[in-house]
N, C-alpha and C. Protein backbone atom coordinates (compact mmCIF):
# COMPACT_ATOMS: atom_id res chain seq x y z
N UNK A 1 0.85 -1.17 0.00
CA UNK A 1 0.00 0.00 0.00
C UNK A 1 0.89 1.23 0.00
N UNK A 2 0.55 2.21 -0.82
CA UNK A 2 1.37 3.41 -0.91
C UNK A 2 1.10 4.32 0.27
N UNK A 3 2.03 5.24 0.51
CA UNK A 3 1.87 6.19 1.61
C UNK A 3 0.63 7.05 1.42
N UNK A 4 0.33 7.43 0.17
CA UNK A 4 -0.85 8.23 -0.10
C UNK A 4 -2.10 7.43 0.24
N UNK A 5 -2.16 6.19 -0.18
CA UNK A 5 -3.32 5.35 0.09
C UNK A 5 -3.51 5.16 1.59
N UNK A 6 -2.41 4.98 2.34
CA UNK A 6 -2.50 4.82 3.78
C UNK A 6 -3.10 6.05 4.44
N UNK A 7 -2.74 7.23 3.96
CA UNK A 7 -3.27 8.48 4.54
C UNK A 7 -4.76 8.63 4.27
N UNK A 8 -5.26 8.02 3.20
CA UNK A 8 -6.66 8.13 2.85
C UNK A 8 -7.54 7.20 3.68
N UNK A 9 -6.95 6.22 4.35
CA UNK A 9 -7.73 5.29 5.16
C UNK A 9 -8.21 5.98 6.43
N UNK A 10 -9.48 5.78 6.77
CA UNK A 10 -9.96 6.37 8.03
C UNK A 10 -9.34 5.66 9.22
N UNK A 11 -9.18 6.38 10.31
CA UNK A 11 -8.60 5.79 11.52
C UNK A 11 -9.58 4.81 12.17
N UNK A 12 -10.88 5.06 12.04
CA UNK A 12 -11.92 4.23 12.66
C UNK A 12 -12.92 3.81 11.61
N UNK A 13 -13.34 2.56 11.67
CA UNK A 13 -14.39 2.08 10.77
C UNK A 13 -15.32 1.16 11.53
N UNK A 14 -16.56 1.09 11.11
CA UNK A 14 -17.52 0.14 11.65
C UNK A 14 -18.00 -0.71 10.49
N UNK A 15 -17.61 -1.98 10.51
CA UNK A 15 -18.02 -2.91 9.47
C UNK A 15 -19.33 -3.56 9.90
N UNK A 16 -20.28 -3.64 8.98
CA UNK A 16 -21.57 -4.25 9.29
C UNK A 16 -21.97 -5.19 8.16
N UNK A 17 -22.80 -6.15 8.48
CA UNK A 17 -23.30 -7.04 7.44
C UNK A 17 -23.92 -8.29 8.02
N UNK A 18 -24.28 -9.18 7.12
CA UNK A 18 -24.82 -10.47 7.49
C UNK A 18 -23.68 -11.33 8.03
N UNK A 19 -23.94 -12.09 9.07
CA UNK A 19 -22.92 -12.95 9.66
C UNK A 19 -22.70 -14.17 8.77
N UNK A 20 -21.76 -14.02 7.83
CA UNK A 20 -21.44 -15.11 6.91
C UNK A 20 -19.94 -15.09 6.59
N UNK A 21 -19.51 -15.99 5.76
CA UNK A 21 -18.09 -16.08 5.41
C UNK A 21 -17.60 -14.81 4.74
N UNK A 22 -18.44 -14.17 3.94
CA UNK A 22 -18.03 -12.94 3.25
C UNK A 22 -17.72 -11.83 4.25
N UNK A 23 -18.52 -11.72 5.31
CA UNK A 23 -18.26 -10.71 6.32
C UNK A 23 -16.92 -11.00 7.02
N UNK A 24 -16.70 -12.25 7.36
CA UNK A 24 -15.44 -12.63 8.01
C UNK A 24 -14.24 -12.31 7.11
N UNK A 25 -14.40 -12.53 5.82
CA UNK A 25 -13.33 -12.21 4.87
C UNK A 25 -13.08 -10.71 4.82
N UNK A 26 -14.15 -9.90 4.86
CA UNK A 26 -13.99 -8.44 4.87
C UNK A 26 -13.20 -7.99 6.08
N UNK A 27 -13.56 -8.52 7.25
CA UNK A 27 -12.84 -8.16 8.47
C UNK A 27 -11.38 -8.60 8.36
N UNK A 28 -11.13 -9.80 7.89
CA UNK A 28 -9.76 -10.31 7.76
C UNK A 28 -8.92 -9.44 6.83
N UNK A 29 -9.50 -8.99 5.72
CA UNK A 29 -8.77 -8.13 4.78
C UNK A 29 -8.38 -6.80 5.43
N UNK A 30 -9.28 -6.25 6.25
CA UNK A 30 -8.97 -5.00 6.93
C UNK A 30 -7.88 -5.20 7.99
N UNK A 31 -7.88 -6.35 8.65
CA UNK A 31 -6.82 -6.63 9.62
C UNK A 31 -5.47 -6.73 8.93
N UNK A 32 -5.44 -7.28 7.72
CA UNK A 32 -4.21 -7.37 6.94
C UNK A 32 -3.69 -5.98 6.56
N UNK A 33 -4.57 -4.99 6.46
CA UNK A 33 -4.17 -3.61 6.12
C UNK A 33 -3.62 -2.86 7.33
N UNK A 34 -3.67 -3.47 8.50
CA UNK A 34 -3.15 -2.82 9.69
C UNK A 34 -4.20 -2.41 10.71
N UNK A 35 -5.47 -2.60 10.38
CA UNK A 35 -6.52 -2.32 11.35
C UNK A 35 -6.47 -3.38 12.46
N UNK A 36 -6.96 -3.02 13.63
CA UNK A 36 -7.11 -3.97 14.73
C UNK A 36 -8.54 -3.89 15.24
N UNK A 37 -9.01 -4.99 15.81
CA UNK A 37 -10.36 -5.02 16.35
C UNK A 37 -10.48 -4.05 17.51
N UNK A 38 -11.61 -3.39 17.61
CA UNK A 38 -11.86 -2.44 18.68
C UNK A 38 -13.14 -2.87 19.37
N UNK A 39 -13.01 -3.45 20.53
CA UNK A 39 -14.19 -3.93 21.26
C UNK A 39 -14.73 -5.23 20.71
N UNK A 40 -15.82 -5.64 21.28
CA UNK A 40 -16.47 -6.89 20.89
C UNK A 40 -17.45 -6.64 19.74
N UNK A 41 -17.71 -7.67 18.95
CA UNK A 41 -18.70 -7.51 17.90
C UNK A 41 -20.10 -7.40 18.50
N UNK A 42 -20.99 -6.77 17.76
CA UNK A 42 -22.40 -6.67 18.15
C UNK A 42 -23.21 -7.52 17.18
N UNK A 43 -24.24 -8.18 17.68
CA UNK A 43 -25.08 -9.05 16.86
C UNK A 43 -26.55 -8.76 17.11
N UNK A 44 -27.34 -8.91 16.08
CA UNK A 44 -28.79 -8.82 16.22
C UNK A 44 -29.42 -9.73 15.16
N UNK A 45 -30.62 -10.16 15.41
CA UNK A 45 -31.32 -11.07 14.50
C UNK A 45 -32.42 -10.31 13.78
N UNK A 46 -32.50 -10.48 12.47
CA UNK A 46 -33.56 -9.88 11.67
C UNK A 46 -34.62 -10.96 11.42
N UNK A 47 -35.76 -10.89 12.13
CA UNK A 47 -36.77 -11.94 11.97
C UNK A 47 -37.44 -11.95 10.60
N UNK A 48 -37.40 -10.81 9.90
CA UNK A 48 -38.01 -10.76 8.57
C UNK A 48 -37.23 -11.55 7.54
N UNK A 49 -35.89 -11.55 7.67
CA UNK A 49 -35.06 -12.28 6.70
C UNK A 49 -34.48 -13.56 7.28
N UNK A 50 -34.55 -13.70 8.60
CA UNK A 50 -33.97 -14.88 9.25
C UNK A 50 -32.45 -14.82 9.32
N UNK A 51 -31.88 -13.64 9.15
CA UNK A 51 -30.42 -13.49 9.14
C UNK A 51 -29.91 -12.88 10.43
N UNK A 52 -28.73 -13.31 10.82
CA UNK A 52 -28.01 -12.71 11.94
C UNK A 52 -27.17 -11.57 11.34
N UNK A 53 -27.32 -10.37 11.91
CA UNK A 53 -26.56 -9.21 11.45
C UNK A 53 -25.49 -8.89 12.48
N UNK A 54 -24.31 -8.51 12.01
CA UNK A 54 -23.19 -8.25 12.91
C UNK A 54 -22.53 -6.91 12.60
N UNK A 55 -21.84 -6.39 13.59
CA UNK A 55 -21.06 -5.16 13.44
C UNK A 55 -19.77 -5.32 14.22
N UNK A 56 -18.66 -4.86 13.63
CA UNK A 56 -17.37 -4.91 14.30
C UNK A 56 -16.63 -3.61 14.05
N UNK A 57 -16.24 -2.95 15.12
CA UNK A 57 -15.44 -1.73 15.00
C UNK A 57 -13.98 -2.12 14.83
N UNK A 58 -13.27 -1.35 13.99
CA UNK A 58 -11.84 -1.55 13.77
C UNK A 58 -11.16 -0.19 13.78
N UNK A 59 -9.90 -0.15 14.18
CA UNK A 59 -9.13 1.10 14.21
C UNK A 59 -7.75 0.87 13.62
N UNK A 60 -7.13 1.96 13.15
CA UNK A 60 -5.75 1.94 12.67
C UNK A 60 -4.89 2.67 13.68
N UNK A 61 -4.29 1.96 14.63
CA UNK A 61 -3.51 2.63 15.68
C UNK A 61 -2.24 3.30 15.15
N UNK A 62 -1.78 2.92 13.96
CA UNK A 62 -0.55 3.49 13.42
C UNK A 62 -0.76 4.83 12.74
N UNK A 63 -2.02 5.22 12.48
CA UNK A 63 -2.27 6.52 11.84
C UNK A 63 -2.35 7.62 12.89
N UNK A 64 -1.65 8.68 12.63
CA UNK A 64 -1.66 9.83 13.54
C UNK A 64 -2.82 10.76 13.15
N UNK A 65 -3.55 11.32 14.13
CA UNK A 65 -4.66 12.22 13.81
C UNK A 65 -4.15 13.51 13.19
């Protein structure tokens, strides 16, 4: 990743989505970029779709404000 691209990354992000393999892959890709998990994931169930929805906060501790 270039220095310019690193500067464009937000320091904090909240990833949300359906609890599936694709969501886990999204989180894993962000961890590879230098993000770290921030707190525990949040989960809720959508009775209309029958899906479990999740949210995970991530931060980039190496970026200076």
